[in-house]
Amino acid sequence: AICPSFRKIVFDQSKDEVKALAVEGTKRIRAHADA
């Protein structure tokens, strides 16, 4: 989830932290898929 209410209320994360979570998950899925 990336919208303002979730960033502020649910996760207490900044925009950069929310984006980093999506990117990191993508990298991990790529590694498992390549294997």
All heavy atoms as atom14 arrays in JSON, in Angstrom:
{
  "sequence": "AICPSFRKIVFDQSKDEVKALAVEGTKRIRAHADA",
  "atom14_mask": [
    [1, 1, 1, 1, 1, 0, 0, 0, 0, 0, 0, 0, 0, 0],
    [1, 1, 1, 1, 1, 1, 1, 1, 0, 0, 0, 0, 0, 0],
    [1, 1, 1, 1, 1, 1, 0, 0, 0, 0, 0, 0, 0, 0],
    [1, 1, 1, 1, 1, 1, 1, 0, 0, 0, 0, 0, 0, 0],
    [1, 1, 1, 1, 1, 1, 0, 0, 0, 0, 0, 0, 0, 0],
    [1, 1, 1, 1, 1, 1, 1, 1, 1, 1, 1, 0, 0, 0],
    [1, 1, 1, 1, 1, 1, 1, 1, 1, 1, 1, 0, 0, 0],
    [1, 1, 1, 1, 1, 1, 1, 1, 1, 0, 0, 0, 0, 0],
    [1, 1, 1, 1, 1, 1, 1, 1, 0, 0, 0, 0, 0, 0],
    [1, 1, 1, 1, 1, 1, 1, 0, 0, 0, 0, 0, 0, 0],
    [1, 1, 1, 1, 1, 1, 1, 1, 1, 1, 1, 0, 0, 0],
    [1, 1, 1, 1, 1, 1, 1, 1, 0, 0, 0, 0, 0, 0],
    [1, 1, 1, 1, 1, 1, 1, 1, 1, 0, 0, 0, 0, 0],
    [1, 1, 1, 1, 1, 1, 0, 0, 0, 0, 0, 0, 0, 0],
    [1, 1, 1, 1, 1, 1, 1, 1, 1, 0, 0, 0, 0, 0],
    [1, 1, 1, 1, 1, 1, 1, 1, 0, 0, 0, 0, 0, 0],
    [1, 1, 1, 1, 1, 1, 1, 1, 1, 0, 0, 0, 0, 0],
    [1, 1, 1, 1, 1, 1, 1, 0, 0, 0, 0, 0, 0, 0],
    [1, 1, 1, 1, 1, 1, 1, 1, 1, 0, 0, 0, 0, 0],
    [1, 1, 1, 1, 1, 0, 0, 0, 0, 0, 0, 0, 0, 0],
    [1, 1, 1, 1, 1, 1, 1, 1, 0, 0, 0, 0, 0, 0],
    [1, 1, 1, 1, 1, 0, 0, 0, 0, 0, 0, 0, 0, 0],
    [1, 1, 1, 1, 1, 1, 1, 0, 0, 0, 0, 0, 0, 0],
    [1, 1, 1, 1, 1, 1, 1, 1, 1, 0, 0, 0, 0, 0],
    [1, 1, 1, 1, 0, 0, 0, 0, 0, 0, 0, 0, 0, 0],
    [1, 1, 1, 1, 1, 1, 1, 0, 0, 0, 0, 0, 0, 0],
    [1, 1, 1, 1, 1, 1, 1, 1, 1, 0, 0, 0, 0, 0],
    [1, 1, 1, 1, 1, 1, 1, 1, 1, 1, 1, 0, 0, 0],
    [1, 1, 1, 1, 1, 1, 1, 1, 0, 0, 0, 0, 0, 0],
    [1, 1, 1, 1, 1, 1, 1, 1, 1, 1, 1, 0, 0, 0],
    [1, 1, 1, 1, 1, 0, 0, 0, 0, 0, 0, 0, 0, 0],
    [1, 1, 1, 1, 1, 1, 1, 1, 1, 1, 0, 0, 0, 0],
    [1, 1, 1, 1, 1, 0, 0, 0, 0, 0, 0, 0, 0, 0],
    [1, 1, 1, 1, 1, 1, 1, 1, 0, 0, 0, 0, 0, 0],
    [1, 1, 1, 1, 1, 0, 0, 0, 0, 0, 0, 0, 0, 0]
  ],
  "atom14_positions": [
    [[0.84, -1.2, 0.0], [0.0, 0.0, 0.0], [0.88, 1.25, 0.0], [1.88, 1.32, 0.71], [-0.92, 0.0, 1.21], [0.0, 0.0, 0.0], [0.0, 0.0, 0.0], [0.0, 0.0, 0.0], [0.0, 0.0, 0.0], [0.0, 0.0, 0.0], [0.0, 0.0, 0.0], [0.0, 0.0, 0.0], [0.0, 0.0, 0.0], [0.0, 0.0, 0.0]],
    [[0.47, 2.25, -0.81], [1.35, 3.41, -0.98], [0.66, 4.75, -0.76], [1.31, 5.79, -0.85], [1.98, 3.4, -2.4], [0.91, 3.62, -3.48], [2.73, 2.09, -2.65], [1.49, 3.86, -4.86], [0.0, 0.0, 0.0], [0.0, 0.0, 0.0], [0.0, 0.0, 0.0], [0.0, 0.0, 0.0], [0.0, 0.0, 0.0], [0.0, 0.0, 0.0]],
    [[-0.63, 4.79, -0.45], [-1.33, 6.06, -0.36], [-1.0, 6.79, 0.95], [-0.48, 6.18, 1.9], [-2.84, 5.86, -0.5], [-3.62, 5.17, 0.97], [0.0, 0.0, 0.0], [0.0, 0.0, 0.0], [0.0, 0.0, 0.0], [0.0, 0.0, 0.0], [0.0, 0.0, 0.0], [0.0, 0.0, 0.0], [0.0, 0.0, 0.0], [0.0, 0.0, 0.0]],
    [[-1.3, 8.08, 1.04], [-0.9, 8.86, 2.22], [-1.45, 8.31, 3.54], [-0.71, 8.28, 4.54], [-1.49, 10.26, 1.93], [-1.52, 10.34, 0.45], [-1.85, 8.96, -0.03], [0.0, 0.0, 0.0], [0.0, 0.0, 0.0], [0.0, 0.0, 0.0], [0.0, 0.0, 0.0], [0.0, 0.0, 0.0], [0.0, 0.0, 0.0], [0.0, 0.0, 0.0]],
    [[-2.7, 7.89, 3.59], [-3.26, 7.43, 4.86], [-2.55, 6.17, 5.34], [-2.31, 6.0, 6.55], [-4.75, 7.17, 4.72], [-5.02, 6.17, 3.75], [0.0, 0.0, 0.0], [0.0, 0.0, 0.0], [0.0, 0.0, 0.0], [0.0, 0.0, 0.0], [0.0, 0.0, 0.0], [0.0, 0.0, 0.0], [0.0, 0.0, 0.0], [0.0, 0.0, 0.0]],
    [[-2.16, 5.28, 4.43], [-1.44, 4.08, 4.84], [0.0, 4.42, 5.23], [0.53, 3.86, 6.2], [-1.45, 3.04, 3.71], [-2.67, 2.17, 3.73], [-3.91, 2.66, 3.36], [-2.59, 0.84, 4.12], [-5.04, 1.88, 3.38], [-3.71, 0.04, 4.14], [-4.95, 0.55, 3.77], [0.0, 0.0, 0.0], [0.0, 0.0, 0.0], [0.0, 0.0, 0.0]],
    [[0.62, 5.33, 4.48], [1.99, 5.72, 4.84], [2.03, 6.33, 6.23], [2.95, 6.05, 7.02], [2.53, 6.72, 3.81], [2.64, 6.19, 2.4], [3.5, 7.08, 1.5], [3.16, 8.47, 1.5], [2.48, 9.11, 0.53], [2.05, 8.4, -0.51], [2.24, 10.4, 0.6], [0.0, 0.0, 0.0], [0.0, 0.0, 0.0], [0.0, 0.0, 0.0]],
    [[1.02, 7.13, 6.56], [1.01, 7.85, 7.83], [0.44, 7.01, 8.98], [1.04, 6.93, 10.06], [0.19, 9.13, 7.67], [0.08, 9.97, 8.94], [-0.71, 11.26, 8.71], [-2.17, 10.96, 8.43], [-2.98, 12.21, 8.34], [0.0, 0.0, 0.0], [0.0, 0.0, 0.0], [0.0, 0.0, 0.0], [0.0, 0.0, 0.0], [0.0, 0.0, 0.0]],
    [[-0.71, 6.35, 8.74], [-1.45, 5.71, 9.83], [-1.04, 4.26, 10.03], [-0.84, 3.8, 11.17], [-2.97, 5.8, 9.56], [-3.41, 7.26, 9.47], [-3.76, 5.06, 10.64], [-4.83, 7.44, 8.98], [0.0, 0.0, 0.0], [0.0, 0.0, 0.0], [0.0, 0.0, 0.0], [0.0, 0.0, 0.0], [0.0, 0.0, 0.0], [0.0, 0.0, 0.0]],
    [[-0.91, 3.52, 8.94], [-0.71, 2.07, 9.05], [0.77, 1.72, 9.22], [1.14, 0.92, 10.09], [-1.31, 1.34, 7.83], [-1.1, -0.17, 7.96], [-2.79, 1.67, 7.69], [0.0, 0.0, 0.0], [0.0, 0.0, 0.0], [0.0, 0.0, 0.0], [0.0, 0.0, 0.0], [0.0, 0.0, 0.0], [0.0, 0.0, 0.0], [0.0, 0.0, 0.0]],
    [[1.64, 2.31, 8.4], [3.04, 1.89, 8.36], [4.01, 2.89, 9.0], [5.14, 2.53, 9.34], [3.48, 1.64, 6.91], [2.65, 0.61, 6.21], [2.0, 0.91, 5.02], [2.51, -0.66, 6.73], [1.24, -0.04, 4.36], [1.74, -1.61, 6.08], [1.1, -1.3, 4.89], [0.0, 0.0, 0.0], [0.0, 0.0, 0.0], [0.0, 0.0, 0.0]],
    [[3.57, 4.15, 9.1], [4.47, 5.21, 9.59], [5.78, 5.19, 8.81], [6.88, 5.13, 9.37], [4.74, 5.03, 11.09], [5.49, 6.24, 11.69], [5.4, 7.33, 11.09], [6.17, 6.06, 12.71], [0.0, 0.0, 0.0], [0.0, 0.0, 0.0], [0.0, 0.0, 0.0], [0.0, 0.0, 0.0], [0.0, 0.0, 0.0], [0.0, 0.0, 0.0]],
    [[5.65, 5.26, 7.48], [6.82, 5.23, 6.59], [6.8, 6.43, 5.64], [5.73, 6.94, 5.28], [6.83, 3.94, 5.77], [7.12, 2.68, 6.57], [7.18, 1.45, 5.68], [6.55, 1.4, 4.63], [7.96, 0.46, 6.1], [0.0, 0.0, 0.0], [0.0, 0.0, 0.0], [0.0, 0.0, 0.0], [0.0, 0.0, 0.0], [0.0, 0.0, 0.0]],
    [[7.96, 6.81, 5.23], [8.09, 7.88, 4.25], [7.86, 7.34, 2.85], [7.8, 6.13, 2.63], [9.49, 8.49, 4.33], [10.45, 7.53, 3.91], [0.0, 0.0, 0.0], [0.0, 0.0, 0.0], [0.0, 0.0, 0.0], [0.0, 0.0, 0.0], [0.0, 0.0, 0.0], [0.0, 0.0, 0.0], [0.0, 0.0, 0.0], [0.0, 0.0, 0.0]],
    [[7.77, 8.25, 1.89], [7.63, 7.82, 0.5], [8.82, 6.95, 0.08], [8.64, 5.92, -0.59], [7.52, 9.04, -0.41], [6.19, 9.77, -0.36], [6.18, 10.92, -1.38], [4.84, 11.6, -1.44], [4.8, 12.7, -2.44], [0.0, 0.0, 0.0], [0.0, 0.0, 0.0], [0.0, 0.0, 0.0], [0.0, 0.0, 0.0], [0.0, 0.0, 0.0]],
    [[10.01, 7.36, 0.46], [11.2, 6.6, 0.07], [11.17, 5.19, 0.66], [11.56, 4.22, 0.0], [12.47, 7.32, 0.51], [12.75, 8.57, -0.32], [12.19, 8.66, -1.44], [13.51, 9.44, 0.14], [0.0, 0.0, 0.0], [0.0, 0.0, 0.0], [0.0, 0.0, 0.0], [0.0, 0.0, 0.0], [0.0, 0.0, 0.0], [0.0, 0.0, 0.0]],
    [[10.72, 5.09, 1.9], [10.66, 3.77, 2.53], [9.61, 2.87, 1.85], [9.84, 1.68, 1.65], [10.34, 3.92, 4.02], [11.48, 4.5, 4.84], [11.08, 4.81, 6.26], [9.98, 5.39, 6.46], [11.86, 4.48, 7.18], [0.0, 0.0, 0.0], [0.0, 0.0, 0.0], [0.0, 0.0, 0.0], [0.0, 0.0, 0.0], [0.0, 0.0, 0.0]],
    [[8.48, 3.45, 1.48], [7.43, 2.68, 0.79], [7.95, 2.21, -0.57], [7.76, 1.05, -0.95], [6.16, 3.54, 0.64], [5.18, 2.9, -0.35], [5.49, 3.73, 1.99], [0.0, 0.0, 0.0], [0.0, 0.0, 0.0], [0.0, 0.0, 0.0], [0.0, 0.0, 0.0], [0.0, 0.0, 0.0], [0.0, 0.0, 0.0], [0.0, 0.0, 0.0]],
    [[8.61, 3.11, -1.31], [9.15, 2.73, -2.61], [10.24, 1.68, -2.46], [10.31, 0.71, -3.24], [9.7, 3.97, -3.32], [10.27, 3.67, -4.7], [10.65, 4.95, -5.44], [11.78, 5.69, -4.76], [12.26, 6.85, -5.56], [0.0, 0.0, 0.0], [0.0, 0.0, 0.0], [0.0, 0.0, 0.0], [0.0, 0.0, 0.0], [0.0, 0.0, 0.0]],
    [[11.07, 1.81, -1.46], [12.16, 0.84, -1.25], [11.61, -0.55, -0.96], [12.19, -1.57, -1.39], [13.05, 1.31, -0.11], [0.0, 0.0, 0.0], [0.0, 0.0, 0.0], [0.0, 0.0, 0.0], [0.0, 0.0, 0.0], [0.0, 0.0, 0.0], [0.0, 0.0, 0.0], [0.0, 0.0, 0.0], [0.0, 0.0, 0.0], [0.0, 0.0, 0.0]],
    [[10.49, -0.62, -0.25], [9.88, -1.91, 0.05], [9.45, -2.62, -1.24], [9.67, -3.83, -1.4], [8.67, -1.71, 0.97], [8.01, -2.98, 1.51], [8.94, -3.73, 2.45], [6.71, -2.61, 2.23], [0.0, 0.0, 0.0], [0.0, 0.0, 0.0], [0.0, 0.0, 0.0], [0.0, 0.0, 0.0], [0.0, 0.0, 0.0], [0.0, 0.0, 0.0]],
    [[8.86, -1.86, -2.16], [8.44, -2.44, -3.43], [9.64, -2.89, -4.25], [9.63, -3.99, -4.85], [7.6, -1.44, -4.21], [0.0, 0.0, 0.0], [0.0, 0.0, 0.0], [0.0, 0.0, 0.0], [0.0, 0.0, 0.0], [0.0, 0.0, 0.0], [0.0, 0.0, 0.0], [0.0, 0.0, 0.0], [0.0, 0.0, 0.0], [0.0, 0.0, 0.0]],
    [[10.68, -2.08, -4.29], [11.87, -2.43, -5.07], [12.57, -3.64, -4.48], [13.0, -4.55, -5.2], [12.83, -1.22, -5.13], [14.17, -1.62, -5.72], [12.19, -0.09, -5.96], [0.0, 0.0, 0.0], [0.0, 0.0, 0.0], [0.0, 0.0, 0.0], [0.0, 0.0, 0.0], [0.0, 0.0, 0.0], [0.0, 0.0, 0.0], [0.0, 0.0, 0.0]],
    [[12.7, -3.69, -3.17], [13.39, -4.81, -2.53], [12.63, -6.11, -2.76], [13.23, -7.15, -3.03], [13.53, -4.54, -1.03], [14.32, -5.59, -0.27], [15.75, -5.74, -0.78], [16.32, -4.74, -1.27], [16.29, -6.86, -0.7], [0.0, 0.0, 0.0], [0.0, 0.0, 0.0], [0.0, 0.0, 0.0], [0.0, 0.0, 0.0], [0.0, 0.0, 0.0]],
    [[11.31, -6.06, -2.66], [10.52, -7.26, -2.93], [10.69, -7.72, -4.36], [10.76, -8.93, -4.64], [0.0, 0.0, 0.0], [0.0, 0.0, 0.0], [0.0, 0.0, 0.0], [0.0, 0.0, 0.0], [0.0, 0.0, 0.0], [0.0, 0.0, 0.0], [0.0, 0.0, 0.0], [0.0, 0.0, 0.0], [0.0, 0.0, 0.0], [0.0, 0.0, 0.0]],
    [[10.76, -6.79, -5.3], [10.96, -7.13, -6.71], [12.3, -7.82, -6.91], [12.4, -8.81, -7.66], [10.87, -5.85, -7.57], [9.62, -5.2, -7.33], [11.01, -6.18, -9.04], [0.0, 0.0, 0.0], [0.0, 0.0, 0.0], [0.0, 0.0, 0.0], [0.0, 0.0, 0.0], [0.0, 0.0, 0.0], [0.0, 0.0, 0.0], [0.0, 0.0, 0.0]],
    [[13.36, -7.31, -6.27], [14.68, -7.93, -6.39], [14.66, -9.37, -5.88], [15.25, -10.28, -6.5], [15.71, -7.12, -5.61], [16.04, -5.76, -6.21], [17.04, -5.01, -5.33], [17.41, -3.65, -5.92], [18.34, -2.89, -5.05], [0.0, 0.0, 0.0], [0.0, 0.0, 0.0], [0.0, 0.0, 0.0], [0.0, 0.0, 0.0], [0.0, 0.0, 0.0]],
    [[14.01, -9.58, -4.76], [13.97, -10.93, -4.19], [13.2, -11.89, -5.09], [13.59, -13.05, -5.27], [13.33, -10.87, -2.79], [14.23, -10.2, -1.75], [13.48, -9.94, -0.45], [14.39, -9.44, 0.59], [14.0, -8.9, 1.72], [12.71, -8.77, 1.98], [14.9, -8.48, 2.6], [0.0, 0.0, 0.0], [0.0, 0.0, 0.0], [0.0, 0.0, 0.0]],
    [[12.1, -11.42, -5.65], [11.33, -12.28, -6.56], [12.15, -12.58, -7.81], [12.16, -13.71, -8.29], [9.99, -11.6, -6.9], [9.08, -11.61, -5.66], [9.3, -12.3, -8.07], [7.81, -10.81, -5.82], [0.0, 0.0, 0.0], [0.0, 0.0, 0.0], [0.0, 0.0, 0.0], [0.0, 0.0, 0.0], [0.0, 0.0, 0.0], [0.0, 0.0, 0.0]],
    [[12.88, -11.6, -8.3], [13.76, -11.81, -9.47], [14.8, -12.88, -9.16], [15.05, -13.78, -9.98], [14.42, -10.5, -9.87], [15.58, -10.65, -10.85], [15.13, -11.3, -12.17], [14.48, -10.34, -13.03], [13.9, -10.67, -14.19], [13.89, -11.94, -14.57], [13.32, -9.76, -14.93], [0.0, 0.0, 0.0], [0.0, 0.0, 0.0], [0.0, 0.0, 0.0]],
    [[15.4, -12.84, -7.99], [16.43, -13.82, -7.63], [15.84, -15.22, -7.56], [16.44, -16.19, -8.07], [17.07, -13.44, -6.3], [0.0, 0.0, 0.0], [0.0, 0.0, 0.0], [0.0, 0.0, 0.0], [0.0, 0.0, 0.0], [0.0, 0.0, 0.0], [0.0, 0.0, 0.0], [0.0, 0.0, 0.0], [0.0, 0.0, 0.0], [0.0, 0.0, 0.0]],
    [[14.68, -15.37, -6.95], [14.05, -16.69, -6.87], [13.63, -17.19, -8.25], [13.76, -18.38, -8.56], [12.84, -16.63, -5.94], [13.17, -16.66, -4.48], [13.42, -17.83, -3.8], [13.31, -15.65, -3.58], [13.69, -17.55, -2.52], [13.64, -16.22, -2.37], [0.0, 0.0, 0.0], [0.0, 0.0, 0.0], [0.0, 0.0, 0.0], [0.0, 0.0, 0.0]],
    [[13.13, -16.3, -9.07], [12.7, -16.7, -10.42], [13.91, -17.13, -11.26], [13.85, -18.15, -11.97], [11.96, -15.54, -11.09], [0.0, 0.0, 0.0], [0.0, 0.0, 0.0], [0.0, 0.0, 0.0], [0.0, 0.0, 0.0], [0.0, 0.0, 0.0], [0.0, 0.0, 0.0], [0.0, 0.0, 0.0], [0.0, 0.0, 0.0], [0.0, 0.0, 0.0]],
    [[15.01, -16.38, -11.18], [16.2, -16.73, -11.96], [16.78, -18.07, -11.53], [17.4, -18.77, -12.34], [17.27, -15.63, -11.8], [16.88, -14.34, -12.52], [15.95, -14.38, -13.35], [17.49, -13.29, -12.22], [0.0, 0.0, 0.0], [0.0, 0.0, 0.0], [0.0, 0.0, 0.0], [0.0, 0.0, 0.0], [0.0, 0.0, 0.0], [0.0, 0.0, 0.0]],
    [[16.56, -18.46, -10.29], [17.06, -19.74, -9.81], [16.2, -20.92, -10.29], [16.57, -22.07, -10.09], [17.12, -19.74, -8.29], [0.0, 0.0, 0.0], [0.0, 0.0, 0.0], [0.0, 0.0, 0.0], [0.0, 0.0, 0.0], [0.0, 0.0, 0.0], [0.0, 0.0, 0.0], [0.0, 0.0, 0.0], [0.0, 0.0, 0.0], [0.0, 0.0, 0.0]]
  ]
}
